Amino acid sequence: MTDLERKIYRIIYNMSRFRKNPTMDDLKRKTGKGEPAIRKAVKNLISRKELAWDKKKREWLF
């Protein structure tokens, strides 16, 4: 897991604990990275099954 992936994972985990899904703007502000880099990191986390999105509940699964 890269530093950016670890940082995004922790942001999503911590924000979802309080029932708030981070927006792209939240992730941009907190990581200091652009949208393409964030999308790539999230896709990598999903492909390695470290993150999953539940469409019915609209929340992240860890």
C-alpha atoms as a PDB file:
ATOM      1  CA  MET A   1       0.000   0.000   0.000  1.00  0.00           C
ATOM      2  CA  THR A   2       1.459   3.355  -0.998  1.00  0.00           C
ATOM      3  CA  ASP A   3       1.489   6.381   1.278  1.00  0.00           C
ATOM      4  CA  LEU A   4      -1.344   8.000  -0.664  1.00  0.00           C
ATOM      5  CA  GLU A   5      -3.449   4.827  -0.546  1.00  0.00           C
ATOM      6  CA  ARG A   6      -2.844   4.516   3.192  1.00  0.00           C
ATOM      7  CA  LYS A   7      -3.784   8.155   3.732  1.00  0.00           C
ATOM      8  CA  ILE A   8      -6.978   7.860   1.665  1.00  0.00           C
ATOM      9  CA  TYR A   9      -7.904   4.622   3.441  1.00  0.00           C
ATOM     10  CA  ARG A  10      -7.523   6.306   6.855  1.00  0.00           C
ATOM     11  CA  ILE A  11      -9.533   9.371   5.754  1.00  0.00           C
ATOM     12  CA  ILE A  12     -12.384   7.228   4.416  1.00  0.00           C
ATOM     13  CA  TYR A  13     -12.295   4.963   7.481  1.00  0.00           C
ATOM     14  CA  ASN A  14     -12.295   7.801   9.999  1.00  0.00           C
ATOM     15  CA  MET A  15     -14.985   9.843   8.254  1.00  0.00           C
ATOM     16  CA  SER A  16     -17.242   6.833   7.700  1.00  0.00           C
ATOM     17  CA  ARG A  17     -17.114   6.002  11.416  1.00  0.00           C
ATOM     18  CA  PHE A  18     -19.219   9.128  11.889  1.00  0.00           C
ATOM     19  CA  ARG A  19     -21.573   8.214   8.993  1.00  0.00           C
ATOM     20  CA  LYS A  20     -20.117  10.797   6.621  1.00  0.00           C
ATOM     21  CA  ASN A  21     -18.732   9.762   3.255  1.00  0.00           C
ATOM     22  CA  PRO A  22     -15.861  12.005   2.178  1.00  0.00           C
ATOM     23  CA  THR A  23     -16.401  13.922  -1.037  1.00  0.00           C
ATOM     24  CA  MET A  24     -13.774  14.323  -3.726  1.00  0.00           C
ATOM     25  CA  ASP A  25     -13.200  17.873  -2.466  1.00  0.00           C
ATOM     26  CA  ASP A  26     -12.594  16.515   1.060  1.00  0.00           C
ATOM     27  CA  LEU A  27     -10.040  14.045  -0.274  1.00  0.00           C
ATOM     28  CA  LYS A  28      -8.331  16.691  -2.422  1.00  0.00           C
ATOM     29  CA  ARG A  29      -8.063  19.079   0.516  1.00  0.00           C
ATOM     30  CA  LYS A  30      -6.841  16.491   3.010  1.00  0.00           C
ATOM     31  CA  THR A  31      -4.313  14.772   0.705  1.00  0.00           C
ATOM     32  CA  GLY A  32      -3.165  17.716  -1.392  1.00  0.00           C
ATOM     33  CA  LYS A  33      -3.422  15.554  -4.528  1.00  0.00           C
ATOM     34  CA  GLY A  34      -5.455  15.901  -7.711  1.00  0.00           C
ATOM     35  CA  GLU A  35      -8.541  13.976  -8.734  1.00  0.00           C
ATOM     36  CA  PRO A  36      -6.787  11.526 -11.125  1.00  0.00           C
ATOM     37  CA  ALA A  37      -4.298  10.441  -8.425  1.00  0.00           C
ATOM     38  CA  ILE A  38      -7.075   9.996  -5.852  1.00  0.00           C
ATOM     39  CA  ARG A  39      -9.239   7.977  -8.257  1.00  0.00           C
ATOM     40  CA  LYS A  40      -6.308   5.729  -9.131  1.00  0.00           C
ATOM     41  CA  ALA A  41      -5.498   5.129  -5.451  1.00  0.00           C
ATOM     42  CA  VAL A  42      -9.134   4.299  -4.605  1.00  0.00           C
ATOM     43  CA  LYS A  43      -9.367   1.926  -7.589  1.00  0.00           C
ATOM     44  CA  ASN A  44      -6.200   0.188  -6.392  1.00  0.00           C
ATOM     45  CA  LEU A  45      -7.674  -0.212  -2.892  1.00  0.00           C
ATOM     46  CA  ILE A  46     -10.893  -1.632  -4.330  1.00  0.00           C
ATOM     47  CA  SER A  47      -9.069  -4.014  -6.686  1.00  0.00           C
ATOM     48  CA  ARG A  48      -7.049  -5.409  -3.757  1.00  0.00           C
ATOM     49  CA  LYS A  49     -10.319  -5.794  -1.796  1.00  0.00           C
ATOM     50  CA  GLU A  50      -9.179  -3.467   0.979  1.00  0.00           C
ATOM     51  CA  LEU A  51     -12.196  -1.230   0.313  1.00  0.00           C
ATOM     52  CA  ALA A  52     -15.639  -1.986  -1.056  1.00  0.00           C
ATOM     53  CA  TRP A  53     -18.681   0.177  -1.755  1.00  0.00           C
ATOM     54  CA  ASP A  54     -22.107  -1.084  -0.665  1.00  0.00           C
ATOM     55  CA  LYS A  55     -24.544   0.386  -3.188  1.00  0.00           C
ATOM     56  CA  LYS A  56     -27.667  -0.361  -1.143  1.00  0.00           C
ATOM     57  CA  LYS A  57     -26.454   1.169   2.118  1.00  0.00           C
ATOM     58  CA  ARG A  58     -24.327   3.784   0.312  1.00  0.00           C
ATOM     59  CA  GLU A  59     -21.368   3.263   2.619  1.00  0.00           C
ATOM     60  CA  TRP A  60     -17.813   1.955   2.524  1.00  0.00           C
ATOM     61  CA  LEU A  61     -17.020  -1.563   3.706  1.00  0.00           C
ATOM     62  CA  PHE A  62     -13.626  -2.416   5.185  1.00  0.00           C
END
